PDB file of all heavy atoms in Angstrom:
ATOM      1  N   ASP A   1      -8.293  -5.058  -7.913  1.00  0.00           N
ATOM      2  CA  ASP A   1      -9.287  -5.970  -7.715  1.00  0.00           C
ATOM      3  C   ASP A   1      -9.277  -6.940  -9.010  1.00  0.00           C
ATOM      4  O   ASP A   1      -9.622  -6.439 -10.079  1.00  0.00           O
ATOM      5  CB  ASP A   1     -10.706  -5.379  -7.645  1.00  0.00           C
ATOM      6  CG  ASP A   1     -11.795  -6.291  -7.231  1.00  0.00           C
ATOM      7  OD1 ASP A   1     -11.789  -7.358  -7.786  1.00  0.00           O
ATOM      8  OD2 ASP A   1     -12.673  -5.941  -6.454  1.00  0.00           O
ATOM      9  N   LEU A   2      -8.945  -8.148  -8.836  1.00  0.00           N
ATOM     10  CA  LEU A   2      -8.762  -9.047  -9.973  1.00  0.00           C
ATOM     11  C   LEU A   2     -10.073  -9.334 -10.575  1.00  0.00           C
ATOM     12  O   LEU A   2     -10.111  -9.480 -11.901  1.00  0.00           O
ATOM     13  CB  LEU A   2      -8.117 -10.339  -9.548  1.00  0.00           C
ATOM     14  CG  LEU A   2      -6.584 -10.251  -9.098  1.00  0.00           C
ATOM     15  CD1 LEU A   2      -6.141 -11.482  -8.311  1.00  0.00           C
ATOM     16  CD2 LEU A   2      -5.760 -10.045 -10.221  1.00  0.00           C
ATOM     17  N   ASN A   3     -11.103  -9.438  -9.833  1.00  0.00           N
ATOM     18  CA  ASN A   3     -12.434  -9.812 -10.446  1.00  0.00           C
ATOM     19  C   ASN A   3     -13.104  -8.620 -11.179  1.00  0.00           C
ATOM     20  O   ASN A   3     -13.595  -8.810 -12.290  1.00  0.00           O
ATOM     21  CB  ASN A   3     -13.372 -10.317  -9.398  1.00  0.00           C
ATOM     22  CG  ASN A   3     -12.937 -11.716  -8.821  1.00  0.00           C
ATOM     23  OD1 ASN A   3     -12.905 -12.676  -9.543  1.00  0.00           O
ATOM     24  ND2 ASN A   3     -12.650 -11.741  -7.511  1.00  0.00           N
ATOM     25  N   ASN A   4     -12.927  -7.419 -10.619  1.00  0.00           N
ATOM     26  CA  ASN A   4     -13.512  -6.296 -11.285  1.00  0.00           C
ATOM     27  C   ASN A   4     -12.623  -5.565 -12.210  1.00  0.00           C
ATOM     28  O   ASN A   4     -12.946  -4.613 -12.851  1.00  0.00           O
ATOM     29  CB  ASN A   4     -13.947  -5.189 -10.189  1.00  0.00           C
ATOM     30  CG  ASN A   4     -15.053  -5.772  -9.249  1.00  0.00           C
ATOM     31  OD1 ASN A   4     -15.826  -6.597  -9.664  1.00  0.00           O
ATOM     32  ND2 ASN A   4     -15.166  -5.276  -8.046  1.00  0.00           N
ATOM     33  N   GLN A   5     -11.328  -6.003 -12.201  1.00  0.00           N
ATOM     34  CA  GLN A   5     -10.282  -5.306 -13.052  1.00  0.00           C
ATOM     35  C   GLN A   5     -10.188  -3.820 -12.822  1.00  0.00           C
ATOM     36  O   GLN A   5     -10.174  -3.052 -13.783  1.00  0.00           O
ATOM     37  CB  GLN A   5     -10.521  -5.596 -14.520  1.00  0.00           C
ATOM     38  CG  GLN A   5     -10.564  -7.109 -14.849  1.00  0.00           C
ATOM     39  CD  GLN A   5     -10.742  -7.364 -16.356  1.00  0.00           C
ATOM     40  OE1 GLN A   5     -10.499  -6.619 -17.226  1.00  0.00           O
ATOM     41  NE2 GLN A   5     -11.399  -8.546 -16.671  1.00  0.00           N
ATOM     42  N   SER A   6     -10.312  -3.425 -11.572  1.00  0.00           N
ATOM     43  CA  SER A   6     -10.227  -1.991 -11.193  1.00  0.00           C
ATOM     44  C   SER A   6      -9.144  -1.879 -10.116  1.00  0.00           C
ATOM     45  O   SER A   6      -8.859  -2.804  -9.354  1.00  0.00           O
ATOM     46  CB  SER A   6     -11.542  -1.543 -10.710  1.00  0.00           C
ATOM     47  OG  SER A   6     -11.999  -2.280  -9.534  1.00  0.00           O
ATOM     48  N   GLN A   7      -8.554  -0.657  -9.970  1.00  0.00           N
ATOM     49  CA  GLN A   7      -7.565  -0.436  -8.984  1.00  0.00           C
ATOM     50  C   GLN A   7      -7.679   0.897  -8.376  1.00  0.00           C
ATOM     51  O   GLN A   7      -8.328   1.857  -8.858  1.00  0.00           O
ATOM     52  CB  GLN A   7      -6.136  -0.641  -9.529  1.00  0.00           C
ATOM     53  CG  GLN A   7      -5.651   0.434 -10.335  1.00  0.00           C
ATOM     54  CD  GLN A   7      -4.158   0.217 -10.836  1.00  0.00           C
ATOM     55  OE1 GLN A   7      -3.617  -0.914 -10.709  1.00  0.00           O
ATOM     56  NE2 GLN A   7      -3.503   1.194 -11.347  1.00  0.00           N
ATOM     57  N   LYS A   8      -7.096   0.937  -7.148  1.00  0.00           N
ATOM     58  CA  LYS A   8      -7.150   2.211  -6.404  1.00  0.00           C
ATOM     59  C   LYS A   8      -5.721   2.503  -5.892  1.00  0.00           C
ATOM     60  O   LYS A   8      -5.105   1.649  -5.325  1.00  0.00           O
ATOM     61  CB  LYS A   8      -8.117   2.120  -5.161  1.00  0.00           C
ATOM     62  CG  LYS A   8      -8.166   3.327  -4.333  1.00  0.00           C
ATOM     63  CD  LYS A   8      -9.114   3.139  -3.237  1.00  0.00           C
ATOM     64  CE  LYS A   8      -9.338   4.390  -2.315  1.00  0.00           C
ATOM     65  NZ  LYS A   8     -10.312   4.272  -1.270  1.00  0.00           N
ATOM     66  N   GLN A   9      -5.250   3.807  -6.003  1.00  0.00           N
ATOM     67  CA  GLN A   9      -4.075   4.225  -5.596  1.00  0.00           C
ATOM     68  C   GLN A   9      -4.130   4.495  -4.061  1.00  0.00           C
ATOM     69  O   GLN A   9      -4.999   5.166  -3.609  1.00  0.00           O
ATOM     70  CB  GLN A   9      -3.477   5.411  -6.325  1.00  0.00           C
ATOM     71  CG  GLN A   9      -2.109   5.841  -5.809  1.00  0.00           C
ATOM     72  CD  GLN A   9      -1.490   7.014  -6.566  1.00  0.00           C
ATOM     73  OE1 GLN A   9      -1.887   7.120  -7.813  1.00  0.00           O
ATOM     74  NE2 GLN A   9      -0.632   7.762  -6.042  1.00  0.00           N
ATOM     75  N   ILE A  10      -3.266   3.848  -3.281  1.00  0.00           N
ATOM     76  CA  ILE A  10      -3.252   4.009  -1.816  1.00  0.00           C
ATOM     77  C   ILE A  10      -2.286   5.097  -1.359  1.00  0.00           C
ATOM     78  O   ILE A  10      -2.646   5.845  -0.468  1.00  0.00           O
ATOM     79  CB  ILE A  10      -2.959   2.690  -1.111  1.00  0.00           C
ATOM     80  CG1 ILE A  10      -3.844   1.546  -1.592  1.00  0.00           C
ATOM     81  CG2 ILE A  10      -2.966   2.767   0.307  1.00  0.00           C
ATOM     82  CD1 ILE A  10      -5.338   1.884  -1.407  1.00  0.00           C
ATOM     83  N   SER A  11      -1.057   5.198  -1.925  1.00  0.00           N
ATOM     84  CA  SER A  11      -0.091   6.200  -1.473  1.00  0.00           C
ATOM     85  C   SER A  11       0.929   6.291  -2.563  1.00  0.00           C
ATOM     86  O   SER A  11       0.974   5.561  -3.553  1.00  0.00           O
ATOM     87  CB  SER A  11       0.595   5.647  -0.060  1.00  0.00           C
ATOM     88  OG  SER A  11       1.483   6.529   0.365  1.00  0.00           O
ATOM     89  N   SER A  12       1.835   7.293  -2.265  1.00  0.00           N
ATOM     90  CA  SER A  12       2.912   7.622  -3.275  1.00  0.00           C
ATOM     91  C   SER A  12       4.117   8.039  -2.454  1.00  0.00           C
ATOM     92  O   SER A  12       3.979   8.791  -1.436  1.00  0.00           O
ATOM     93  CB  SER A  12       2.477   8.708  -4.207  1.00  0.00           C
ATOM     94  OG  SER A  12       3.563   9.016  -5.188  1.00  0.00           O
ATOM     95  N   SER A  13       5.312   7.618  -2.946  1.00  0.00           N
ATOM     96  CA  SER A  13       6.564   8.066  -2.231  1.00  0.00           C
ATOM     97  C   SER A  13       7.579   8.669  -3.291  1.00  0.00           C
ATOM     98  O   SER A  13       7.296   8.467  -4.490  1.00  0.00           O
ATOM     99  CB  SER A  13       7.147   6.849  -1.556  1.00  0.00           C
ATOM    100  OG  SER A  13       7.672   5.917  -2.408  1.00  0.00           O
ATOM    101  N   ILE A  14       8.642   9.100  -2.773  1.00  0.00           N
ATOM    102  CA  ILE A  14       9.741   9.571  -3.651  1.00  0.00           C
ATOM    103  C   ILE A  14      10.817   8.458  -3.656  1.00  0.00           C
ATOM    104  O   ILE A  14      11.573   8.444  -2.652  1.00  0.00           O
ATOM    105  CB  ILE A  14      10.321  10.957  -3.297  1.00  0.00           C
ATOM    106  CG1 ILE A  14       9.139  11.969  -3.311  1.00  0.00           C
ATOM    107  CG2 ILE A  14      11.422  11.353  -4.249  1.00  0.00           C
ATOM    108  CD1 ILE A  14       8.484  12.140  -4.593  1.00  0.00           C
ATOM    109  N   ALA A  15      10.916   7.674  -4.589  1.00  0.00           N
ATOM    110  CA  ALA A  15      11.935   6.624  -4.793  1.00  0.00           C
ATOM    111  C   ALA A  15      12.207   5.777  -3.514  1.00  0.00           C
ATOM    112  O   ALA A  15      13.225   5.341  -3.231  1.00  0.00           O
ATOM    113  CB  ALA A  15      13.281   7.303  -5.086  1.00  0.00           C
ATOM    114  N   LYS A  16      11.029   5.463  -2.867  1.00  0.00           N
ATOM    115  CA  LYS A  16      11.098   4.729  -1.660  1.00  0.00           C
ATOM    116  C   LYS A  16      10.135   3.516  -1.771  1.00  0.00           C
ATOM    117  O   LYS A  16       9.026   3.651  -2.191  1.00  0.00           O
ATOM    118  CB  LYS A  16      10.712   5.496  -0.461  1.00  0.00           C
ATOM    119  CG  LYS A  16      10.790   4.810   0.836  1.00  0.00           C
ATOM    120  CD  LYS A  16      10.381   5.751   2.025  1.00  0.00           C
ATOM    121  CE  LYS A  16      10.395   5.097   3.365  1.00  0.00           C
ATOM    122  NZ  LYS A  16       9.876   5.957   4.509  1.00  0.00           N
ATOM    123  N   GLU A  17      10.643   2.321  -1.398  1.00  0.00           N
ATOM    124  CA  GLU A  17       9.763   1.165  -1.410  1.00  0.00           C
ATOM    125  C   GLU A  17       8.752   1.181  -0.203  1.00  0.00           C
ATOM    126  O   GLU A  17       9.029   1.848   0.800  1.00  0.00           O
ATOM    127  CB  GLU A  17      10.571  -0.143  -1.363  1.00  0.00           C
ATOM    128  CG  GLU A  17      11.505  -0.238  -0.230  1.00  0.00           C
ATOM    129  CD  GLU A  17      12.408  -1.458  -0.401  1.00  0.00           C
ATOM    130  OE1 GLU A  17      12.066  -2.446  -1.050  1.00  0.00           O
ATOM    131  OE2 GLU A  17      13.568  -1.368   0.131  1.00  0.00           O
ATOM    132  N   PHE A  18       7.706   0.445  -0.337  1.00  0.00           N
ATOM    133  CA  PHE A  18       6.646   0.394   0.715  1.00  0.00           C
ATOM    134  C   PHE A  18       6.661  -0.810   1.702  1.00  0.00           C
ATOM    135  O   PHE A  18       6.116  -0.754   2.734  1.00  0.00           O
ATOM    136  CB  PHE A  18       5.312   0.548   0.036  1.00  0.00           C
ATOM    137  CG  PHE A  18       4.963   1.837  -0.564  1.00  0.00           C
ATOM    138  CD1 PHE A  18       5.101   2.078  -1.816  1.00  0.00           C
ATOM    139  CD2 PHE A  18       4.438   2.882   0.260  1.00  0.00           C
ATOM    140  CE1 PHE A  18       4.827   3.386  -2.454  1.00  0.00           C
ATOM    141  CE2 PHE A  18       4.178   4.155  -0.180  1.00  0.00           C
ATOM    142  CZ  PHE A  18       4.341   4.384  -1.605  1.00  0.00           C
ATOM    143  N   LYS A  19       7.159  -1.892   1.074  1.00  0.00           N
ATOM    144  CA  LYS A  19       7.101  -3.158   1.893  1.00  0.00           C
ATOM    145  C   LYS A  19       5.786  -3.490   2.336  1.00  0.00           C
ATOM    146  O   LYS A  19       5.437  -3.626   3.532  1.00  0.00           O
ATOM    147  CB  LYS A  19       8.090  -3.166   3.122  1.00  0.00           C
ATOM    148  CG  LYS A  19       9.560  -2.928   2.801  1.00  0.00           C
ATOM    149  CD  LYS A  19      10.373  -3.025   4.049  1.00  0.00           C
ATOM    150  CE  LYS A  19      11.856  -2.893   3.774  1.00  0.00           C
ATOM    151  NZ  LYS A  19      12.225  -1.503   3.331  1.00  0.00           N
ATOM    152  N   PRO A  20       4.769  -3.535   1.397  1.00  0.00           N
ATOM    153  CA  PRO A  20       3.358  -3.663   1.814  1.00  0.00           C
ATOM    154  C   PRO A  20       2.967  -5.055   2.244  1.00  0.00           C
ATOM    155  O   PRO A  20       3.589  -6.046   1.745  1.00  0.00           O
ATOM    156  CB  PRO A  20       2.625  -3.249   0.585  1.00  0.00           C
ATOM    157  CG  PRO A  20       3.581  -3.656  -0.557  1.00  0.00           C
ATOM    158  CD  PRO A  20       4.926  -3.397   0.025  1.00  0.00           C
ATOM    159  N   LYS A  21       2.035  -5.245   3.075  1.00  0.00           N
ATOM    160  CA  LYS A  21       1.495  -6.571   3.480  1.00  0.00           C
ATOM    161  C   LYS A  21      -0.036  -6.333   3.885  1.00  0.00           C
ATOM    162  O   LYS A  21      -0.438  -5.331   4.376  1.00  0.00           O
ATOM    163  CB  LYS A  21       2.280  -7.087   4.558  1.00  0.00           C
ATOM    164  CG  LYS A  21       2.123  -6.554   5.949  1.00  0.00           C
ATOM    165  CD  LYS A  21       2.816  -7.339   6.956  1.00  0.00           C
ATOM    166  CE  LYS A  21       2.546  -6.859   8.430  1.00  0.00           C
ATOM    167  NZ  LYS A  21       3.246  -7.679   9.445  1.00  0.00           N
ATOM    168  N   TRP A  22      -0.789  -7.432   3.851  1.00  0.00           N
ATOM    169  CA  TRP A  22      -2.149  -7.474   4.351  1.00  0.00           C
ATOM    170  C   TRP A  22      -2.039  -7.804   5.787  1.00  0.00           C
ATOM    171  O   TRP A  22      -1.520  -8.881   6.206  1.00  0.00           O
ATOM    172  CB  TRP A  22      -2.914  -8.546   3.543  1.00  0.00           C
ATOM    173  CG  TRP A  22      -3.240  -8.118   2.177  1.00  0.00           C
ATOM    174  CD1 TRP A  22      -2.543  -8.573   1.071  1.00  0.00           C
ATOM    175  CD2 TRP A  22      -4.280  -7.281   1.773  1.00  0.00           C
ATOM    176  NE1 TRP A  22      -3.127  -8.071  -0.110  1.00  0.00           N
ATOM    177  CE2 TRP A  22      -4.194  -7.248   0.360  1.00  0.00           C
ATOM    178  CE3 TRP A  22      -5.244  -6.671   2.384  1.00  0.00           C
ATOM    179  CZ2 TRP A  22      -5.065  -6.565  -0.426  1.00  0.00           C
ATOM    180  CZ3 TRP A  22      -6.184  -5.898   1.625  1.00  0.00           C
ATOM    181  CH2 TRP A  22      -6.102  -5.889   0.254  1.00  0.00           C
ATOM    182  N   VAL A  23      -2.741  -7.008   6.686  1.00  0.00           N
ATOM    183  CA  VAL A  23      -2.871  -7.353   8.039  1.00  0.00           C
ATOM    184  C   VAL A  23      -4.041  -8.325   8.293  1.00  0.00           C
ATOM    185  O   VAL A  23      -4.015  -9.247   8.999  1.00  0.00           O
ATOM    186  CB  VAL A  23      -3.039  -6.027   8.901  1.00  0.00           C
ATOM    187  CG1 VAL A  23      -3.263  -6.347  10.392  1.00  0.00           C
ATOM    188  CG2 VAL A  23      -1.821  -5.133   8.767  1.00  0.00           C
ATOM    189  N   ASP A  24      -5.162  -7.962   7.604  1.00  0.00           N
ATOM    190  CA  ASP A  24      -6.280  -8.792   7.490  1.00  0.00           C
ATOM    191  C   ASP A  24      -7.006  -8.425   6.096  1.00  0.00           C
ATOM    192  O   ASP A  24      -6.490  -7.750   5.299  1.00  0.00           O
ATOM    193  CB  ASP A  24      -7.231  -8.544   8.705  1.00  0.00           C
ATOM    194  CG  ASP A  24      -7.719  -7.176   8.840  1.00  0.00           C
ATOM    195  OD1 ASP A  24      -8.014  -6.430   7.819  1.00  0.00           O
ATOM    196  OD2 ASP A  24      -7.678  -6.590  10.029  1.00  0.00           O
ATOM    197  N   ASP A  25      -8.256  -8.965   5.975  1.00  0.00           N
ATOM    198  CA  ASP A  25      -8.875  -8.851   4.610  1.00  0.00           C
ATOM    199  C   ASP A  25      -9.265  -7.427   4.318  1.00  0.00           C
ATOM    200  O   ASP A  25      -9.415  -7.057   3.166  1.00  0.00           O
ATOM    201  CB  ASP A  25     -10.154  -9.754   4.603  1.00  0.00           C
ATOM    202  CG  ASP A  25      -9.848 -11.185   4.407  1.00  0.00           C
ATOM    203  OD1 ASP A  25      -8.694 -11.488   3.996  1.00  0.00           O
ATOM    204  OD2 ASP A  25     -10.743 -11.973   4.542  1.00  0.00           O
ATOM    205  N   ASN A  26      -9.325  -6.553   5.346  1.00  0.00           N
ATOM    206  CA  ASN A  26      -9.692  -5.184   5.112  1.00  0.00           C
ATOM    207  C   ASN A  26      -8.621  -4.177   5.460  1.00  0.00           C
ATOM    208  O   ASN A  26      -8.849  -2.972   5.401  1.00  0.00           O
ATOM    209  CB  ASN A  26     -10.993  -4.882   5.935  1.00  0.00           C
ATOM    210  CG  ASN A  26     -12.119  -5.802   5.587  1.00  0.00           C
ATOM    211  OD1 ASN A  26     -12.443  -5.880   4.369  1.00  0.00           O
ATOM    212  ND2 ASN A  26     -12.663  -6.508   6.525  1.00  0.00           N
ATOM    213  N   THR A  27      -7.386  -4.646   5.856  1.00  0.00           N
ATOM    214  CA  THR A  27      -6.475  -3.661   6.341  1.00  0.00           C
ATOM    215  C   THR A  27      -5.123  -4.041   5.683  1.00  0.00           C
ATOM    216  O   THR A  27      -4.676  -5.243   5.682  1.00  0.00           O
ATOM    217  CB  THR A  27      -6.296  -3.787   7.802  1.00  0.00           C
ATOM    218  OG1 THR A  27      -7.554  -3.676   8.467  1.00  0.00           O
ATOM    219  CG2 THR A  27      -5.384  -2.615   8.273  1.00  0.00           C
ATOM    220  N   ILE A  28      -4.358  -2.962   5.145  1.00  0.00           N
ATOM    221  CA  ILE A  28      -3.026  -3.168   4.690  1.00  0.00           C
ATOM    222  C   ILE A  28      -2.128  -2.242   5.469  1.00  0.00           C
ATOM    223  O   ILE A  28      -2.518  -1.293   6.133  1.00  0.00           O
ATOM    224  CB  ILE A  28      -2.916  -2.730   3.221  1.00  0.00           C
ATOM    225  CG1 ILE A  28      -3.292  -1.258   2.959  1.00  0.00           C
ATOM    226  CG2 ILE A  28      -3.765  -3.663   2.322  1.00  0.00           C
ATOM    227  CD1 ILE A  28      -3.128  -0.750   1.600  1.00  0.00           C
ATOM    228  N   GLU A  29      -0.830  -2.759   5.486  1.00  0.00           N
ATOM    229  CA  GLU A  29       0.234  -1.991   6.263  1.00  0.00           C
ATOM    230  C   GLU A  29       1.432  -1.780   5.341  1.00  0.00           C
ATOM    231  O   GLU A  29       1.742  -2.645   4.560  1.00  0.00           O
ATOM    232  CB  GLU A  29       0.640  -2.790   7.494  1.00  0.00           C
ATOM    233  CG  GLU A  29       1.640  -2.084   8.345  1.00  0.00           C
ATOM    234  CD  GLU A  29       1.932  -2.922   9.587  1.00  0.00           C
ATOM    235  OE1 GLU A  29       1.319  -2.866  10.637  1.00  0.00           O
ATOM    236  OE2 GLU A  29       2.935  -3.728   9.513  1.00  0.00           O
ATOM    237  N   PHE A  30       2.057  -0.578   5.524  1.00  0.00           N
ATOM    238  CA  PHE A  30       3.212  -0.221   4.648  1.00  0.00           C
ATOM    239  C   PHE A  30       4.096   0.789   5.190  1.00  0.00           C
ATOM    240  O   PHE A  30       3.570   1.486   6.120  1.00  0.00           O
ATOM    241  CB  PHE A  30       2.699   0.101   3.248  1.00  0.00           C
ATOM    242  CG  PHE A  30       1.693   1.304   3.237  1.00  0.00           C
ATOM    243  CD1 PHE A  30       2.164   2.591   3.128  1.00  0.00           C
ATOM    244  CD2 PHE A  30       0.354   1.124   3.275  1.00  0.00           C
ATOM    245  CE1 PHE A  30       1.284   3.672   3.122  1.00  0.00           C
ATOM    246  CE2 PHE A  30      -0.529   2.099   3.327  1.00  0.00           C
ATOM    247  CZ  PHE A  30      -0.109   3.450   3.292  1.00  0.00           C
ATOM    248  N   ASP A  31       5.277   0.922   4.683  1.00  0.00           N
ATOM    249  CA  ASP A  31       6.206   1.940   5.205  1.00  0.00           C
ATOM    250  C   ASP A  31       5.600   3.381   4.832  1.00  0.00           C
ATOM    251  O   ASP A  31       5.250   3.537   3.624  1.00  0.00           O
ATOM    252  CB  ASP A  31       7.578   1.797   4.574  1.00  0.00           C
ATOM    253  CG  ASP A  31       8.350   0.664   5.214  1.00  0.00           C
ATOM    254  OD1 ASP A  31       7.885   0.110   6.206  1.00  0.00           O
ATOM    255  OD2 ASP A  31       9.444   0.363   4.766  1.00  0.00           O
ATOM    256  N   SER A  32       5.631   4.201   5.730  1.00  0.00           N
ATOM    257  CA  SER A  32       5.184   5.538   5.492  1.00  0.00           C
ATOM    258  C   SER A  32       6.124   6.191   4.526  1.00  0.00           C
ATOM    259  O   SER A  32       7.348   6.081   4.560  1.00  0.00           O
ATOM    260  CB  SER A  32       5.122   6.395   6.780  1.00  0.00           C
ATOM    261  OG  SER A  32       4.932   7.721   6.530  1.00  0.00           O
ATOM    262  N   PRO A  33       5.523   6.957   3.458  1.00  0.00           N
ATOM    263  CA  PRO A  33       6.431   7.617   2.480  1.00  0.00           C
ATOM    264  C   PRO A  33       7.211   8.771   3.056  1.00  0.00           C
ATOM    265  O   PRO A  33       8.143   9.228   2.488  1.00  0.00           O
ATOM    266  CB  PRO A  33       5.408   8.030   1.375  1.00  0.00           C
ATOM    267  CG  PRO A  33       4.136   8.183   2.166  1.00  0.00           C
ATOM    268  CD  PRO A  33       4.139   7.129   3.177  1.00  0.00           C
ATOM    269  N   ASN A  34       6.812   9.156   4.231  1.00  0.00           N
ATOM    270  CA  ASN A  34       7.366  10.477   4.819  1.00  0.00           C
ATOM    271  C   ASN A  34       8.223  10.223   6.076  1.00  0.00           C
ATOM    272  O   ASN A  34       8.668  11.154   6.750  1.00  0.00           O
ATOM    273  CB  ASN A  34       6.361  11.526   5.050  1.00  0.00           C
ATOM    274  CG  ASN A  34       5.594  11.894   3.763  1.00  0.00           C
ATOM    275  OD1 ASN A  34       6.151  12.096   2.718  1.00  0.00           O
ATOM    276  ND2 ASN A  34       4.221  11.816   3.883  1.00  0.00           N
ATOM    277  N   SER A  35       8.195   8.986   6.566  1.00  0.00           N
ATOM    278  CA  SER A  35       8.980   8.746   7.824  1.00  0.00           C
ATOM    279  C   SER A  35       9.382   7.312   7.781  1.00  0.00           C
ATOM    280  O   SER A  35       9.188   6.498   6.854  1.00  0.00           O
ATOM    281  CB  SER A  35       7.987   8.966   8.981  1.00  0.00           C
ATOM    282  OG  SER A  35       7.002   8.003   9.108  1.00  0.00           O
ATOM    283  N   ALA A  36      10.043   6.830   8.895  1.00  0.00           N
ATOM    284  CA  ALA A  36      10.518   5.507   9.078  1.00  0.00           C
ATOM    285  C   ALA A  36       9.452   4.582   9.694  1.00  0.00           C
ATOM    286  O   ALA A  36       9.799   3.461   9.929  1.00  0.00           O
ATOM    287  CB  ALA A  36      11.814   5.479   9.894  1.00  0.00           C
ATOM    288  N   GLU A  37       8.319   5.116   9.980  1.00  0.00           N
ATOM    289  CA  GLU A  37       7.264   4.305  10.615  1.00  0.00           C
ATOM    290  C   GLU A  37       6.433   3.552   9.610  1.00  0.00           C
ATOM    291  O   GLU A  37       6.442   3.826   8.498  1.00  0.00           O
ATOM    292  CB  GLU A  37       6.437   5.268  11.463  1.00  0.00           C
ATOM    293  CG  GLU A  37       7.126   5.910  12.636  1.00  0.00           C
ATOM    294  CD  GLU A  37       6.168   6.883  13.376  1.00  0.00           C
ATOM    295  OE1 GLU A  37       5.064   7.048  13.039  1.00  0.00           O
ATOM    296  OE2 GLU A  37       6.664   7.255  14.437  1.00  0.00           O
TER     297      GLU A  37
END
C-alpha cells in the first residue's frame, strides 16, 4: 500500500515466478506455486 507504506505477503514459491496481475480493484491473479494453474 503506497499511501500507508504497509505490505502483506500473499504467497510464496520455490524459485518460481508468479506472473501476477490485477483482475479488478479487489482481486489479484497469479500462477499457483504448487501447480501449473
